[in-house]
PDB file of all heavy atoms in Angstrom:
ATOM      1  N   ARG A   1       0.822  -1.208  -0.001  1.00  0.00           N
ATOM      2  CA  ARG A   1       0.023   0.013   0.001  1.00  0.00           C
ATOM      3  C   ARG A   1       0.866   1.261   0.002  1.00  0.00           C
ATOM      4  O   ARG A   1       1.994   1.242   0.509  1.00  0.00           O
ATOM      5  CB  ARG A   1      -0.974   0.024   1.185  1.00  0.00           C
ATOM      6  CG  ARG A   1      -0.338   0.101   2.541  1.00  0.00           C
ATOM      7  CD  ARG A   1      -1.346  -0.172   3.652  1.00  0.00           C
ATOM      8  NE  ARG A   1      -2.381   0.850   3.688  1.00  0.00           N
ATOM      9  CZ  ARG A   1      -3.519   0.764   4.358  1.00  0.00           C
ATOM     10  NH1 ARG A   1      -3.802  -0.355   5.013  1.00  0.00           N
ATOM     11  NH2 ARG A   1      -4.380   1.748   4.334  1.00  0.00           N
ATOM     12  N   ASP A   2       0.300   2.341  -0.505  1.00  0.00           N
ATOM     13  CA  ASP A   2       0.904   3.634  -0.473  1.00  0.00           C
ATOM     14  C   ASP A   2      -0.126   4.571   0.149  1.00  0.00           C
ATOM     15  O   ASP A   2      -1.052   5.016  -0.509  1.00  0.00           O
ATOM     16  CB  ASP A   2       1.277   4.089  -1.920  1.00  0.00           C
ATOM     17  CG  ASP A   2       1.972   5.428  -1.928  1.00  0.00           C
ATOM     18  OD1 ASP A   2       1.865   6.196  -0.978  1.00  0.00           O
ATOM     19  OD2 ASP A   2       2.633   5.717  -2.924  1.00  0.00           O
ATOM     20  N   ASN A   3       0.048   4.851   1.433  1.00  0.00           N
ATOM     21  CA  ASN A   3      -0.948   5.647   2.154  1.00  0.00           C
ATOM     22  C   ASN A   3      -1.025   7.073   1.655  1.00  0.00           C
ATOM     23  O   ASN A   3      -2.108   7.716   1.730  1.00  0.00           O
ATOM     24  CB  ASN A   3      -0.669   5.609   3.660  1.00  0.00           C
ATOM     25  CG  ASN A   3      -0.936   4.207   4.258  1.00  0.00           C
ATOM     26  OD1 ASN A   3      -1.693   3.438   3.702  1.00  0.00           O
ATOM     27  ND2 ASN A   3      -0.305   3.941   5.351  1.00  0.00           N
ATOM     28  N   ALA A   4       0.056   7.605   1.165  1.00  0.00           N
ATOM     29  CA  ALA A   4       0.055   8.951   0.638  1.00  0.00           C
ATOM     30  C   ALA A   4      -0.871   9.059  -0.566  1.00  0.00           C
ATOM     31  O   ALA A   4      -1.444  10.112  -0.862  1.00  0.00           O
ATOM     32  CB  ALA A   4       1.467   9.400   0.267  1.00  0.00           C
ATOM     33  N   LYS A   5      -1.056   7.941  -1.284  1.00  0.00           N
ATOM     34  CA  LYS A   5      -1.914   7.919  -2.468  1.00  0.00           C
ATOM     35  C   LYS A   5      -3.228   7.242  -2.166  1.00  0.00           C
ATOM     36  O   LYS A   5      -4.053   7.057  -3.101  1.00  0.00           O
ATOM     37  CB  LYS A   5      -1.224   7.197  -3.619  1.00  0.00           C
ATOM     38  CG  LYS A   5       0.075   7.867  -4.106  1.00  0.00           C
ATOM     39  CD  LYS A   5       0.680   7.082  -5.216  1.00  0.00           C
ATOM     40  CE  LYS A   5       1.950   7.790  -5.729  1.00  0.00           C
ATOM     41  NZ  LYS A   5       2.584   7.044  -6.856  1.00  0.00           N
ATOM     42  N   ASN A   6      -3.449   6.778  -0.922  1.00  0.00           N
ATOM     43  CA  ASN A   6      -4.668   6.039  -0.585  1.00  0.00           C
ATOM     44  C   ASN A   6      -4.892   4.871  -1.560  1.00  0.00           C
ATOM     45  O   ASN A   6      -6.009   4.673  -2.034  1.00  0.00           O
ATOM     46  CB  ASN A   6      -5.893   6.957  -0.585  1.00  0.00           C
ATOM     47  CG  ASN A   6      -5.861   7.919   0.607  1.00  0.00           C
ATOM     48  OD1 ASN A   6      -5.387   7.545   1.671  1.00  0.00           O
ATOM     49  ND2 ASN A   6      -6.410   9.081   0.423  1.00  0.00           N
ATOM     50  N   THR A   7      -3.829   4.179  -1.845  1.00  0.00           N
ATOM     51  CA  THR A   7      -3.888   3.123  -2.849  1.00  0.00           C
ATOM     52  C   THR A   7      -3.264   1.833  -2.289  1.00  0.00           C
ATOM     53  O   THR A   7      -2.260   1.851  -1.626  1.00  0.00           O
ATOM     54  CB  THR A   7      -3.123   3.523  -4.149  1.00  0.00           C
ATOM     55  OG1 THR A   7      -3.756   4.683  -4.661  1.00  0.00           O
ATOM     56  CG2 THR A   7      -3.167   2.416  -5.165  1.00  0.00           C
ATOM     57  N   VAL A   8      -3.913   0.723  -2.617  1.00  0.00           N
ATOM     58  CA  VAL A   8      -3.396  -0.573  -2.224  1.00  0.00           C
ATOM     59  C   VAL A   8      -3.175  -1.362  -3.509  1.00  0.00           C
ATOM     60  O   VAL A   8      -3.886  -1.200  -4.490  1.00  0.00           O
ATOM     61  CB  VAL A   8      -4.387  -1.313  -1.292  1.00  0.00           C
ATOM     62  CG1 VAL A   8      -5.708  -1.603  -1.956  1.00  0.00           C
ATOM     63  CG2 VAL A   8      -3.745  -2.637  -0.794  1.00  0.00           C
ATOM     64  N   TYR A   9      -2.147  -2.181  -3.474  1.00  0.00           N
ATOM     65  CA  TYR A   9      -1.737  -2.929  -4.706  1.00  0.00           C
ATOM     66  C   TYR A   9      -1.790  -4.462  -4.404  1.00  0.00           C
ATOM     67  O   TYR A   9      -1.579  -4.867  -3.267  1.00  0.00           O
ATOM     68  CB  TYR A   9      -0.352  -2.558  -5.141  1.00  0.00           C
ATOM     69  CG  TYR A   9      -0.186  -1.079  -5.372  1.00  0.00           C
ATOM     70  CD1 TYR A   9       0.392  -0.279  -4.394  1.00  0.00           C
ATOM     71  CD2 TYR A   9      -0.558  -0.502  -6.584  1.00  0.00           C
ATOM     72  CE1 TYR A   9       0.542   1.103  -4.590  1.00  0.00           C
ATOM     73  CE2 TYR A   9      -0.389   0.885  -6.779  1.00  0.00           C
ATOM     74  CZ  TYR A   9       0.158   1.660  -5.787  1.00  0.00           C
ATOM     75  OH  TYR A   9       0.303   2.989  -6.004  1.00  0.00           O
ATOM     76  N   LEU A  10      -1.962  -5.217  -5.408  1.00  0.00           N
ATOM     77  CA  LEU A  10      -1.841  -6.654  -5.333  1.00  0.00           C
ATOM     78  C   LEU A  10      -1.028  -7.144  -6.517  1.00  0.00           C
ATOM     79  O   LEU A  10      -1.479  -7.043  -7.656  1.00  0.00           O
ATOM     80  CB  LEU A  10      -3.194  -7.365  -5.298  1.00  0.00           C
ATOM     81  CG  LEU A  10      -3.169  -8.860  -5.005  1.00  0.00           C
ATOM     82  CD1 LEU A  10      -2.664  -9.131  -3.595  1.00  0.00           C
ATOM     83  CD2 LEU A  10      -4.517  -9.494  -5.254  1.00  0.00           C
ATOM     84  N   GLN A  11       0.195  -7.575  -6.245  1.00  0.00           N
ATOM     85  CA  GLN A  11       1.033  -8.119  -7.295  1.00  0.00           C
ATOM     86  C   GLN A  11       0.769  -9.603  -7.429  1.00  0.00           C
ATOM     87  O   GLN A  11       0.929 -10.340  -6.484  1.00  0.00           O
ATOM     88  CB  GLN A  11       2.517  -7.873  -6.975  1.00  0.00           C
ATOM     89  CG  GLN A  11       3.494  -8.365  -7.995  1.00  0.00           C
ATOM     90  CD  GLN A  11       3.496  -7.559  -9.273  1.00  0.00           C
ATOM     91  OE1 GLN A  11       3.501  -6.350  -9.254  1.00  0.00           O
ATOM     92  NE2 GLN A  11       3.470  -8.272 -10.405  1.00  0.00           N
ATOM     93  N   LEU A  12       0.396 -10.035  -8.611  1.00  0.00           N
ATOM     94  CA  LEU A  12       0.071 -11.408  -8.889  1.00  0.00           C
ATOM     95  C   LEU A  12       1.117 -11.976  -9.779  1.00  0.00           C
ATOM     96  O   LEU A  12       1.401 -11.455 -10.853  1.00  0.00           O
ATOM     97  CB  LEU A  12      -1.287 -11.547  -9.615  1.00  0.00           C
ATOM     98  CG  LEU A  12      -2.590 -11.228  -8.892  1.00  0.00           C
ATOM     99  CD1 LEU A  12      -2.694  -9.755  -8.481  1.00  0.00           C
ATOM    100  CD2 LEU A  12      -3.791 -11.629  -9.747  1.00  0.00           C
ATOM    101  N   THR A  13       1.814 -13.024  -9.303  1.00  0.00           N
ATOM    102  CA  THR A  13       2.831 -13.694 -10.095  1.00  0.00           C
ATOM    103  C   THR A  13       2.540 -15.194 -10.192  1.00  0.00           C
ATOM    104  O   THR A  13       1.710 -15.709  -9.411  1.00  0.00           O
ATOM    105  CB  THR A  13       4.209 -13.478  -9.500  1.00  0.00           C
ATOM    106  OG1 THR A  13       4.268 -14.042  -8.224  1.00  0.00           O
ATOM    107  CG2 THR A  13       4.532 -11.980  -9.417  1.00  0.00           C
ATOM    108  N   SER A  14       3.233 -15.876 -11.084  1.00  0.00           N
ATOM    109  CA  SER A  14       3.050 -17.320 -11.270  1.00  0.00           C
ATOM    110  C   SER A  14       1.584 -17.681 -11.331  1.00  0.00           C
ATOM    111  O   SER A  14       1.076 -18.605 -10.694  1.00  0.00           O
ATOM    112  CB  SER A  14       3.730 -18.075 -10.101  1.00  0.00           C
ATOM    113  OG  SER A  14       5.073 -17.796 -10.047  1.00  0.00           O
ATOM    114  N   LEU A  15       0.853 -16.923 -12.169  1.00  0.00           N
ATOM    115  CA  LEU A  15      -0.603 -17.083 -12.204  1.00  0.00           C
ATOM    116  C   LEU A  15      -0.988 -18.451 -12.769  1.00  0.00           C
ATOM    117  O   LEU A  15      -0.308 -18.977 -13.665  1.00  0.00           O
ATOM    118  CB  LEU A  15      -1.225 -15.962 -13.053  1.00  0.00           C
ATOM    119  CG  LEU A  15      -1.338 -14.608 -12.306  1.00  0.00           C
ATOM    120  CD1 LEU A  15      -1.540 -13.455 -13.239  1.00  0.00           C
ATOM    121  CD2 LEU A  15      -2.524 -14.732 -11.323  1.00  0.00           C
ATOM    122  N   LYS A  16      -2.125 -18.951 -12.247  1.00  0.00           N
ATOM    123  CA  LYS A  16      -2.661 -20.244 -12.670  1.00  0.00           C
ATOM    124  C   LYS A  16      -4.065 -19.995 -13.200  1.00  0.00           C
ATOM    125  O   LYS A  16      -4.723 -19.056 -12.801  1.00  0.00           O
ATOM    126  CB  LYS A  16      -2.698 -21.162 -11.483  1.00  0.00           C
ATOM    127  CG  LYS A  16      -1.389 -21.359 -10.737  1.00  0.00           C
ATOM    128  CD  LYS A  16      -1.565 -22.236  -9.524  1.00  0.00           C
ATOM    129  CE  LYS A  16      -0.247 -22.382  -8.754  1.00  0.00           C
ATOM    130  NZ  LYS A  16      -0.444 -23.185  -7.534  1.00  0.00           N
ATOM    131  N   PRO A  17      -4.541 -20.926 -14.015  1.00  0.00           N
ATOM    132  CA  PRO A  17      -5.937 -20.772 -14.532  1.00  0.00           C
ATOM    133  C   PRO A  17      -6.944 -20.690 -13.384  1.00  0.00           C
ATOM    134  O   PRO A  17      -7.963 -19.953 -13.499  1.00  0.00           O
ATOM    135  CB  PRO A  17      -6.135 -22.047 -15.337  1.00  0.00           C
ATOM    136  CG  PRO A  17      -4.765 -22.362 -15.860  1.00  0.00           C
ATOM    137  CD  PRO A  17      -3.849 -22.010 -14.740  1.00  0.00           C
ATOM    138  N   GLU A  18      -6.696 -21.330 -12.293  1.00  0.00           N
ATOM    139  CA  GLU A  18      -7.618 -21.306 -11.165  1.00  0.00           C
ATOM    140  C   GLU A  18      -7.637 -19.956 -10.448  1.00  0.00           C
ATOM    141  O   GLU A  18      -8.449 -19.737  -9.543  1.00  0.00           O
ATOM    142  CB  GLU A  18      -7.360 -22.402 -10.178  1.00  0.00           C
ATOM    143  CG  GLU A  18      -5.902 -22.536  -9.701  1.00  0.00           C
ATOM    144  CD  GLU A  18      -5.136 -23.590 -10.491  1.00  0.00           C
ATOM    145  OE1 GLU A  18      -5.262 -23.610 -11.775  1.00  0.00           O
ATOM    146  OE2 GLU A  18      -4.340 -24.301  -9.875  1.00  0.00           O
ATOM    147  N   ASP A  19      -6.769 -19.053 -10.816  1.00  0.00           N
ATOM    148  CA  ASP A  19      -6.737 -17.686 -10.280  1.00  0.00           C
ATOM    149  C   ASP A  19      -7.749 -16.789 -11.022  1.00  0.00           C
ATOM    150  O   ASP A  19      -7.962 -15.670 -10.643  1.00  0.00           O
ATOM    151  CB  ASP A  19      -5.381 -17.064 -10.385  1.00  0.00           C
ATOM    152  CG  ASP A  19      -4.356 -17.724  -9.470  1.00  0.00           C
ATOM    153  OD1 ASP A  19      -4.679 -18.041  -8.303  1.00  0.00           O
ATOM    154  OD2 ASP A  19      -3.218 -17.916  -9.921  1.00  0.00           O
ATOM    155  N   THR A  20      -8.338 -17.329 -12.106  1.00  0.00           N
ATOM    156  CA  THR A  20      -9.311 -16.562 -12.857  1.00  0.00           C
ATOM    157  C   THR A  20     -10.503 -16.183 -11.980  1.00  0.00           C
ATOM    158  O   THR A  20     -11.110 -17.054 -11.383  1.00  0.00           O
ATOM    159  CB  THR A  20      -9.762 -17.352 -14.076  1.00  0.00           C
ATOM    160  OG1 THR A  20      -8.648 -17.539 -14.986  1.00  0.00           O
ATOM    161  CG2 THR A  20     -10.881 -16.646 -14.821  1.00  0.00           C
ATOM    162  N   ALA A  21     -10.795 -14.894 -11.936  1.00  0.00           N
ATOM    163  CA  ALA A  21     -11.878 -14.438 -11.086  1.00  0.00           C
ATOM    164  C   ALA A  21     -12.034 -12.938 -11.245  1.00  0.00           C
ATOM    165  O   ALA A  21     -11.138 -12.270 -11.826  1.00  0.00           O
ATOM    166  CB  ALA A  21     -11.606 -14.750  -9.623  1.00  0.00           C
ATOM    167  N   VAL A  22     -13.096 -12.403 -10.695  1.00  0.00           N
ATOM    168  CA  VAL A  22     -13.185 -10.955 -10.527  1.00  0.00           C
ATOM    169  C   VAL A  22     -12.563 -10.636  -9.153  1.00  0.00           C
ATOM    170  O   VAL A  22     -12.908 -11.261  -8.132  1.00  0.00           O
ATOM    171  CB  VAL A  22     -14.630 -10.473 -10.527  1.00  0.00           C
ATOM    172  CG1 VAL A  22     -14.696  -8.948 -10.259  1.00  0.00           C
ATOM    173  CG2 VAL A  22     -15.254 -10.805 -11.889  1.00  0.00           C
ATOM    174  N   TYR A  23     -11.612  -9.677  -9.145  1.00  0.00           N
ATOM    175  CA  TYR A  23     -10.917  -9.330  -7.917  1.00  0.00           C
ATOM    176  C   TYR A  23     -11.497  -8.028  -7.361  1.00  0.00           C
ATOM    177  O   TYR A  23     -11.616  -7.049  -8.127  1.00  0.00           O
ATOM    178  CB  TYR A  23      -9.439  -9.202  -8.187  1.00  0.00           C
ATOM    179  CG  TYR A  23      -8.747 -10.522  -8.316  1.00  0.00           C
ATOM    180  CD1 TYR A  23      -8.985 -11.335  -9.431  1.00  0.00           C
ATOM    181  CD2 TYR A  23      -7.871 -10.985  -7.320  1.00  0.00           C
ATOM    182  CE1 TYR A  23      -8.383 -12.593  -9.545  1.00  0.00           C
ATOM    183  CE2 TYR A  23      -7.227 -12.224  -7.445  1.00  0.00           C
ATOM    184  CZ  TYR A  23      -7.498 -13.007  -8.528  1.00  0.00           C
ATOM    185  OH  TYR A  23      -6.894 -14.243  -8.634  1.00  0.00           O
ATOM    186  N   TYR A  24     -11.830  -8.030  -6.092  1.00  0.00           N
ATOM    187  CA  TYR A  24     -12.407  -6.914  -5.427  1.00  0.00           C
ATOM    188  C   TYR A  24     -11.498  -6.386  -4.300  1.00  0.00           C
ATOM    189  O   TYR A  24     -10.941  -7.210  -3.571  1.00  0.00           O
ATOM    190  CB  TYR A  24     -13.755  -7.270  -4.789  1.00  0.00           C
ATOM    191  CG  TYR A  24     -14.800  -7.755  -5.768  1.00  0.00           C
ATOM    192  CD1 TYR A  24     -14.904  -9.088  -6.078  1.00  0.00           C
ATOM    193  CD2 TYR A  24     -15.685  -6.816  -6.348  1.00  0.00           C
ATOM    194  CE1 TYR A  24     -15.879  -9.526  -6.984  1.00  0.00           C
ATOM    195  CE2 TYR A  24     -16.683  -7.277  -7.221  1.00  0.00           C
ATOM    196  CZ  TYR A  24     -16.745  -8.621  -7.536  1.00  0.00           C
ATOM    197  OH  TYR A  24     -17.716  -9.039  -8.404  1.00  0.00           O
ATOM    198  N   CYS A  25     -11.388  -5.088  -4.167  1.00  0.00           N
ATOM    199  CA  CYS A  25     -10.726  -4.576  -2.977  1.00  0.00           C
ATOM    200  C   CYS A  25     -11.818  -4.158  -1.960  1.00  0.00           C
ATOM    201  O   CYS A  25     -12.957  -3.867  -2.318  1.00  0.00           O
ATOM    202  CB  CYS A  25      -9.792  -3.423  -3.294  1.00  0.00           C
ATOM    203  SG  CYS A  25     -10.560  -1.949  -3.896  1.00  0.00           S
ATOM    204  N   ALA A  26     -11.440  -4.145  -0.741  1.00  0.00           N
ATOM    205  CA  ALA A  26     -12.374  -3.889   0.366  1.00  0.00           C
ATOM    206  C   ALA A  26     -11.705  -3.009   1.407  1.00  0.00           C
ATOM    207  O   ALA A  26     -10.470  -3.071   1.626  1.00  0.00           O
ATOM    208  CB  ALA A  26     -12.869  -5.182   0.957  1.00  0.00           C
ATOM    209  N   PHE A  27     -12.533  -2.243   2.140  1.00  0.00           N
ATOM    210  CA  PHE A  27     -12.072  -1.254   3.101  1.00  0.00           C
ATOM    211  C   PHE A  27     -12.653  -1.565   4.464  1.00  0.00           C
ATOM    212  O   PHE A  27     -13.814  -1.840   4.634  1.00  0.00           O
ATOM    213  CB  PHE A  27     -12.546   0.113   2.572  1.00  0.00           C
ATOM    214  CG  PHE A  27     -12.311   1.261   3.521  1.00  0.00           C
ATOM    215  CD1 PHE A  27     -11.163   1.990   3.440  1.00  0.00           C
ATOM    216  CD2 PHE A  27     -13.293   1.626   4.417  1.00  0.00           C
ATOM    217  CE1 PHE A  27     -10.953   3.060   4.276  1.00  0.00           C
ATOM    218  CE2 PHE A  27     -13.094   2.699   5.258  1.00  0.00           C
ATOM    219  CZ  PHE A  27     -11.926   3.454   5.190  1.00  0.00           C
ATOM    220  N   ARG A  28     -11.774  -1.435   5.474  1.00  0.00           N
ATOM    221  CA  ARG A  28     -12.207  -1.691   6.840  1.00  0.00           C
ATOM    222  C   ARG A  28     -11.602  -0.605   7.719  1.00  0.00           C
ATOM    223  O   ARG A  28     -10.407  -0.621   7.963  1.00  0.00           O
ATOM    224  CB  ARG A  28     -11.736  -3.060   7.280  1.00  0.00           C
ATOM    225  CG  ARG A  28     -11.929  -3.374   8.729  1.00  0.00           C
ATOM    226  CD  ARG A  28     -11.528  -4.803   9.032  1.00  0.00           C
ATOM    227  NE  ARG A  28     -11.018  -4.950  10.337  1.00  0.00           N
ATOM    228  CZ  ARG A  28     -11.761  -4.871  11.448  1.00  0.00           C
ATOM    229  NH1 ARG A  28     -13.044  -4.684  11.353  1.00  0.00           N
ATOM    230  NH2 ARG A  28     -11.218  -4.989  12.635  1.00  0.00           N
ATOM    231  N   PRO A  29     -12.430   0.354   8.205  1.00  0.00           N
ATOM    232  CA  PRO A  29     -11.909   1.465   8.972  1.00  0.00           C
ATOM    233  C   PRO A  29     -11.702   1.076  10.455  1.00  0.00           C
ATOM    234  O   PRO A  29     -12.406   1.531  11.324  1.00  0.00           O
ATOM    235  CB  PRO A  29     -13.032   2.497   8.826  1.00  0.00           C
ATOM    236  CG  PRO A  29     -14.255   1.685   8.745  1.00  0.00           C
ATOM    237  CD  PRO A  29     -13.854   0.464   7.963  1.00  0.00           C
ATOM    238  N   ALA A  30     -10.731   0.225  10.693  1.00  0.00           N
ATOM    239  CA  ALA A  30     -10.500  -0.298  12.066  1.00  0.00           C
ATOM    240  C   ALA A  30      -9.104  -0.850  12.124  1.00  0.00           C
ATOM    241  O   ALA A  30      -8.383  -0.917  11.159  1.00  0.00           O
ATOM    242  CB  ALA A  30     -11.545  -1.340  12.418  1.00  0.00           C
ATOM    243  N   ILE A  31      -8.771  -1.242  13.344  1.00  0.00           N
ATOM    244  CA  ILE A  31      -7.409  -1.745  13.578  1.00  0.00           C
ATOM    245  C   ILE A  31      -7.322  -3.178  13.061  1.00  0.00           C
ATOM    246  O   ILE A  31      -8.310  -3.839  12.825  1.00  0.00           O
ATOM    247  CB  ILE A  31      -7.046  -1.690  15.071  1.00  0.00           C
ATOM    248  CG1 ILE A  31      -8.014  -2.592  15.888  1.00  0.00           C
ATOM    249  CG2 ILE A  31      -7.055  -0.265  15.559  1.00  0.00           C
ATOM    250  CD1 ILE A  31      -7.620  -2.696  17.342  1.00  0.00           C
ATOM    251  N   TRP A  32      -6.096  -3.631  12.945  1.00  0.00           N
ATOM    252  CA  TRP A  32      -5.830  -4.959  12.473  1.00  0.00           C
ATOM    253  C   TRP A  32      -6.316  -5.989  13.515  1.00  0.00           C
ATOM    254  O   TRP A  32      -6.102  -5.800  14.706  1.00  0.00           O
ATOM    255  CB  TRP A  32      -4.300  -5.095  12.319  1.00  0.00           C
ATOM    256  CG  TRP A  32      -3.838  -6.408  11.747  1.00  0.00           C
ATOM    257  CD1 TRP A  32      -3.254  -7.430  12.435  1.00  0.00           C
ATOM    258  CD2 TRP A  32      -3.890  -6.815  10.355  1.00  0.00           C
ATOM    259  NE1 TRP A  32      -2.973  -8.455  11.571  1.00  0.00           N
ATOM    260  CE2 TRP A  32      -3.337  -8.111  10.309  1.00  0.00           C
ATOM    261  CE3 TRP A  32      -4.380  -6.183   9.219  1.00  0.00           C
ATOM    262  CZ2 TRP A  32      -3.228  -8.806   9.132  1.00  0.00           C
ATOM    263  CZ3 TRP A  32      -4.264  -6.919   8.008  1.00  0.00           C
ATOM    264  CH2 TRP A  32      -3.701  -8.192   7.976  1.00  0.00           C
ATOM    265  N   MET A  33      -6.953  -7.012  12.995  1.00  0.00           N
ATOM    266  CA  MET A  33      -7.482  -8.055  13.933  1.00  0.00           C
ATOM    267  C   MET A  33      -7.148  -9.446  13.446  1.00  0.00           C
ATOM    268  O   MET A  33      -7.982 -10.341  13.455  1.00  0.00           O
ATOM    269  CB  MET A  33      -8.987  -7.841  14.086  1.00  0.00           C
ATOM    270  CG  MET A  33      -9.365  -6.571  14.795  1.00  0.00           C
ATOM    271  SD  MET A  33     -11.134  -6.387  15.024  1.00  0.00           S
ATOM    272  CE  MET A  33     -11.442  -7.705  16.238  1.00  0.00           C
ATOM    273  N   GLY A  34      -5.909  -9.615  12.966  1.00  0.00           N
ATOM    274  CA  GLY A  34      -5.400 -10.916  12.616  1.00  0.00           C
ATOM    275  C   GLY A  34      -6.254 -11.666  11.603  1.00  0.00           C
ATOM    276  O   GLY A  34      -6.705 -11.070  10.599  1.00  0.00           O
ATOM    277  N   ASP A  35      -6.534 -12.911  11.905  1.00  0.00           N
ATOM    278  CA  ASP A  35      -7.239 -13.775  10.959  1.00  0.00           C
ATOM    279  C   ASP A  35      -8.675 -13.289  10.671  1.00  0.00           C
ATOM    280  O   ASP A  35      -9.286 -13.711   9.671  1.00  0.00           O
ATOM    281  CB  ASP A  35      -7.292 -15.189  11.486  1.00  0.00           C
ATOM    282  CG  ASP A  35      -6.019 -15.990  11.161  1.00  0.00           C
ATOM    283  OD1 ASP A  35      -5.128 -15.395  10.556  1.00  0.00           O
ATOM    284  OD2 ASP A  35      -5.901 -17.146  11.545  1.00  0.00           O
TER     285      ASP A  35
END
């Protein structure tokens, strides 16, 4: 993530056919809570 740009990234490598999907980002205005 780059907080100055309010942007999060996901680098996908070694892609497989089973990775085919619609990818969504999501926002949670709270502290980290592990799993």
